[in-house]
Amino acid sequence: PYVIVCNHQASLDILGMVEVIPDRCVPIAKKELLYMGTVGWACWLCGIIFINRHKREDAIDVISQTARTMWRENVR
């Protein structure tokens, strides 16, 4: 298992990230993207995990739940 950290500065960077990210990778995004209309719906349908960066405990809880699910289902 590994973590890829991407700080995209422009919308074109997403195209490059799609080519580099492995098939079984699940992206984590800030929760604000969920409320951006069509972009939010597309992200939600693609299975992106949203974290609330303003509430540290909530973000840690979401990431911990994701890690437990990965452990339980034996997913790398």
N, C-alpha and C. Protein backbone atom coordinates (compact mmCIF):
# COMPACT_ATOMS: atom_id res chain seq x y z
N PRO A 1 0.83 -1.21 0.00
CA PRO A 1 0.00 0.00 0.00
C PRO A 1 0.87 1.26 0.00
N TYR A 2 0.36 2.31 -0.58
CA TYR A 2 1.09 3.56 -0.64
C TYR A 2 0.12 4.71 -0.76
N VAL A 3 0.64 5.91 -0.59
CA VAL A 3 -0.16 7.13 -0.65
C VAL A 3 0.45 8.04 -1.71
N ILE A 4 -0.39 8.57 -2.58
CA ILE A 4 0.04 9.55 -3.57
C ILE A 4 -0.61 10.87 -3.19
N VAL A 5 0.19 11.90 -2.98
CA VAL A 5 -0.32 13.21 -2.61
C VAL A 5 -0.23 14.10 -3.83
N CYS A 6 -1.35 14.65 -4.25
CA CYS A 6 -1.39 15.53 -5.42
C CYS A 6 -1.97 16.88 -5.02
N ASN A 7 -1.28 17.91 -5.38
CA ASN A 7 -1.77 19.26 -5.13
C ASN A 7 -1.96 19.93 -6.49
N HIS A 8 -3.07 19.60 -7.12
CA HIS A 8 -3.27 20.11 -8.47
C HIS A 8 -3.61 21.60 -8.42
N GLN A 9 -2.98 22.34 -9.30
CA GLN A 9 -3.16 23.79 -9.35
C GLN A 9 -4.10 24.22 -10.47
N ALA A 10 -4.33 23.36 -11.44
CA ALA A 10 -5.20 23.69 -12.56
C ALA A 10 -6.05 22.47 -12.90
N SER A 11 -7.13 22.70 -13.62
CA SER A 11 -8.02 21.59 -13.97
C SER A 11 -7.35 20.60 -14.92
N LEU A 12 -6.35 21.01 -15.66
CA LEU A 12 -5.65 20.11 -16.57
C LEU A 12 -4.77 19.10 -15.83
N ASP A 13 -4.40 19.42 -14.59
CA ASP A 13 -3.58 18.50 -13.79
C ASP A 13 -4.31 17.20 -13.52
N ILE A 14 -5.63 17.26 -13.47
CA ILE A 14 -6.43 16.06 -13.20
C ILE A 14 -6.21 15.02 -14.30
N LEU A 15 -6.08 15.47 -15.53
CA LEU A 15 -5.85 14.54 -16.64
C LEU A 15 -4.53 13.79 -16.45
N GLY A 16 -3.51 14.48 -16.00
CA GLY A 16 -2.22 13.83 -15.74
C GLY A 16 -2.30 12.87 -14.57
N MET A 17 -3.04 13.25 -13.53
CA MET A 17 -3.19 12.38 -12.36
C MET A 17 -3.91 11.09 -12.72
N VAL A 18 -4.88 11.18 -13.61
CA VAL A 18 -5.63 9.98 -14.02
C VAL A 18 -4.72 8.97 -14.69
N GLU A 19 -3.74 9.44 -15.43
CA GLU A 19 -2.80 8.54 -16.11
C GLU A 19 -1.83 7.89 -15.14
N VAL A 20 -1.48 8.57 -14.06
CA VAL A 20 -0.47 8.08 -13.13
C VAL A 20 -1.06 7.20 -12.03
N ILE A 21 -2.27 7.51 -11.58
CA ILE A 21 -2.88 6.80 -10.45
C ILE A 21 -3.22 5.37 -10.86
N PRO A 22 -2.89 4.39 -10.01
CA PRO A 22 -3.21 2.99 -10.31
C PRO A 22 -4.71 2.73 -10.35
N ASP A 23 -5.10 1.60 -10.95
CA ASP A 23 -6.51 1.27 -11.14
C ASP A 23 -7.28 1.14 -9.82
N ARG A 24 -6.69 0.54 -8.82
CA ARG A 24 -7.40 0.28 -7.57
C ARG A 24 -7.27 1.40 -6.56
N CYS A 25 -6.83 2.56 -6.97
CA CYS A 25 -6.63 3.70 -6.08
C CYS A 25 -7.96 4.41 -5.84
N VAL A 26 -8.18 4.83 -4.60
CA VAL A 26 -9.38 5.59 -4.26
C VAL A 26 -8.94 6.97 -3.81
N PRO A 27 -9.37 7.99 -4.51
CA PRO A 27 -8.96 9.35 -4.14
C PRO A 27 -9.73 9.87 -2.92
N ILE A 28 -9.08 10.75 -2.18
CA ILE A 28 -9.70 11.45 -1.06
C ILE A 28 -9.70 12.93 -1.42
N ALA A 29 -10.83 13.58 -1.23
CA ALA A 29 -10.96 14.99 -1.61
C ALA A 29 -11.60 15.77 -0.48
N LYS A 30 -11.44 17.08 -0.53
CA LYS A 30 -12.08 17.91 0.47
C LYS A 30 -13.59 17.92 0.25
N LYS A 31 -14.32 18.02 1.35
CA LYS A 31 -15.77 17.90 1.31
C LYS A 31 -16.43 19.03 0.50
N GLU A 32 -15.76 20.16 0.37
CA GLU A 32 -16.32 21.27 -0.37
C GLU A 32 -16.59 20.91 -1.84
N LEU A 33 -15.82 19.98 -2.39
CA LEU A 33 -16.05 19.56 -3.79
C LEU A 33 -17.40 18.90 -3.98
N LEU A 34 -17.93 18.30 -2.92
CA LEU A 34 -19.21 17.62 -3.00
C LEU A 34 -20.34 18.59 -3.34
N TYR A 35 -20.19 19.85 -2.98
CA TYR A 35 -21.24 20.85 -3.19
C TYR A 35 -21.03 21.68 -4.45
N MET A 36 -20.22 21.20 -5.39
CA MET A 36 -19.94 21.96 -6.61
C MET A 36 -20.76 21.46 -7.80
N GLY A 37 -22.04 21.19 -7.56
CA GLY A 37 -22.95 20.83 -8.65
C GLY A 37 -22.57 19.55 -9.36
N THR A 38 -22.42 19.62 -10.66
CA THR A 38 -22.12 18.44 -11.48
C THR A 38 -20.79 17.81 -11.10
N VAL A 39 -19.82 18.62 -10.76
CA VAL A 39 -18.51 18.10 -10.35
C VAL A 39 -18.66 17.26 -9.09
N GLY A 40 -19.44 17.74 -8.13
CA GLY A 40 -19.68 17.01 -6.89
C GLY A 40 -20.38 15.69 -7.13
N TRP A 41 -21.38 15.70 -7.98
CA TRP A 41 -22.10 14.46 -8.30
C TRP A 41 -21.17 13.45 -8.96
N ALA A 42 -20.36 13.93 -9.90
CA ALA A 42 -19.43 13.03 -10.60
C ALA A 42 -18.42 12.43 -9.61
N CYS A 43 -17.91 13.25 -8.72
CA CYS A 43 -16.95 12.76 -7.72
C CYS A 43 -17.60 11.72 -6.82
N TRP A 44 -18.82 12.00 -6.39
CA TRP A 44 -19.54 11.08 -5.51
C TRP A 44 -19.80 9.75 -6.21
N LEU A 45 -20.22 9.81 -7.48
CA LEU A 45 -20.50 8.59 -8.24
C LEU A 45 -19.23 7.78 -8.53
N CYS A 46 -18.09 8.45 -8.60
CA CYS A 46 -16.82 7.76 -8.84
C CYS A 46 -16.24 7.12 -7.59
N GLY A 47 -16.87 7.36 -6.43
CA GLY A 47 -16.42 6.73 -5.20
C GLY A 47 -15.35 7.49 -4.45
N ILE A 48 -15.24 8.77 -4.69
CA ILE A 48 -14.26 9.57 -3.97
C ILE A 48 -14.68 9.68 -2.51
N ILE A 49 -13.72 9.59 -1.61
CA ILE A 49 -13.98 9.71 -0.18
C ILE A 49 -13.77 11.17 0.19
N PHE A 50 -14.78 11.78 0.79
CA PHE A 50 -14.72 13.19 1.14
C PHE A 50 -14.39 13.36 2.61
N ILE A 51 -13.47 14.28 2.91
CA ILE A 51 -13.13 14.59 4.29
C ILE A 51 -13.36 16.07 4.56
N ASN A 52 -13.73 16.37 5.79
CA ASN A 52 -13.96 17.74 6.20
C ASN A 52 -12.66 18.27 6.81
N ARG A 53 -11.97 19.11 6.08
CA ARG A 53 -10.67 19.60 6.54
C ARG A 53 -10.79 20.59 7.68
N HIS A 54 -11.97 21.17 7.89
CA HIS A 54 -12.15 22.15 8.96
C HIS A 54 -12.41 21.48 10.31
N LYS A 55 -12.85 20.22 10.30
CA LYS A 55 -13.09 19.48 11.54
C LYS A 55 -12.13 18.30 11.57
N ARG A 56 -11.04 18.47 12.28
CA ARG A 56 -9.96 17.48 12.31
C ARG A 56 -10.46 16.11 12.75
N GLU A 57 -11.29 16.07 13.79
CA GLU A 57 -11.77 14.79 14.32
C GLU A 57 -12.62 14.04 13.30
N ASP A 58 -13.46 14.79 12.57
CA ASP A 58 -14.28 14.15 11.53
C ASP A 58 -13.42 13.58 10.41
N ALA A 59 -12.38 14.31 10.02
CA ALA A 59 -11.48 13.83 8.96
C ALA A 59 -10.76 12.56 9.40
N ILE A 60 -10.28 12.55 10.64
CA ILE A 60 -9.60 11.37 11.17
C ILE A 60 -10.57 10.19 11.24
N ASP A 61 -11.81 10.45 11.63
CA ASP A 61 -12.81 9.38 11.71
C ASP A 61 -13.09 8.76 10.35
N VAL A 62 -13.25 9.59 9.32
CA VAL A 62 -13.52 9.08 7.97
C VAL A 62 -12.36 8.25 7.46
N ILE A 63 -11.15 8.73 7.66
CA ILE A 63 -9.97 7.99 7.20
C ILE A 63 -9.81 6.69 7.99
N SER A 64 -10.11 6.72 9.29
CA SER A 64 -10.02 5.50 10.11
C SER A 64 -11.05 4.47 9.66
N GLN A 65 -12.27 4.91 9.37
CA GLN A 65 -13.30 3.98 8.87
C GLN A 65 -12.88 3.37 7.54
N THR A 66 -12.29 4.18 6.68
CA THR A 66 -11.81 3.67 5.39
C THR A 66 -10.73 2.63 5.59
N ALA A 67 -9.81 2.89 6.51
CA ALA A 67 -8.72 1.94 6.78
C ALA A 67 -9.29 0.63 7.34
N ARG A 68 -10.28 0.71 8.25
CA ARG A 68 -10.89 -0.51 8.79
C ARG A 68 -11.59 -1.31 7.70
N THR A 69 -12.28 -0.62 6.80
CA THR A 69 -12.95 -1.31 5.69
C THR A 69 -11.93 -2.00 4.80
N MET A 70 -10.82 -1.32 4.52
CA MET A 70 -9.77 -1.93 3.69
C MET A 70 -9.19 -3.16 4.39
N TRP A 71 -8.98 -3.09 5.69
CA TRP A 71 -8.44 -4.20 6.45
C TRP A 71 -9.42 -5.38 6.45
N ARG A 72 -10.70 -5.09 6.70
CA ARG A 72 -11.74 -6.12 6.78
C ARG A 72 -11.93 -6.85 5.44
N GLU A 73 -11.89 -6.07 4.34
CA GLU A 73 -12.12 -6.66 3.02
C GLU A 73 -10.82 -7.09 2.34
N ASN A 74 -9.70 -6.98 3.06
CA ASN A 74 -8.40 -7.39 2.56
C ASN A 74 -8.06 -6.71 1.23
N VAL A 75 -8.26 -5.38 1.21
CA VAL A 75 -7.96 -4.59 0.02
C VAL A 75 -6.66 -3.85 0.25
N ARG A 76 -5.82 -3.82 -0.75
CA ARG A 76 -4.56 -3.07 -0.63
C ARG A 76 -4.76 -1.66 -1.12
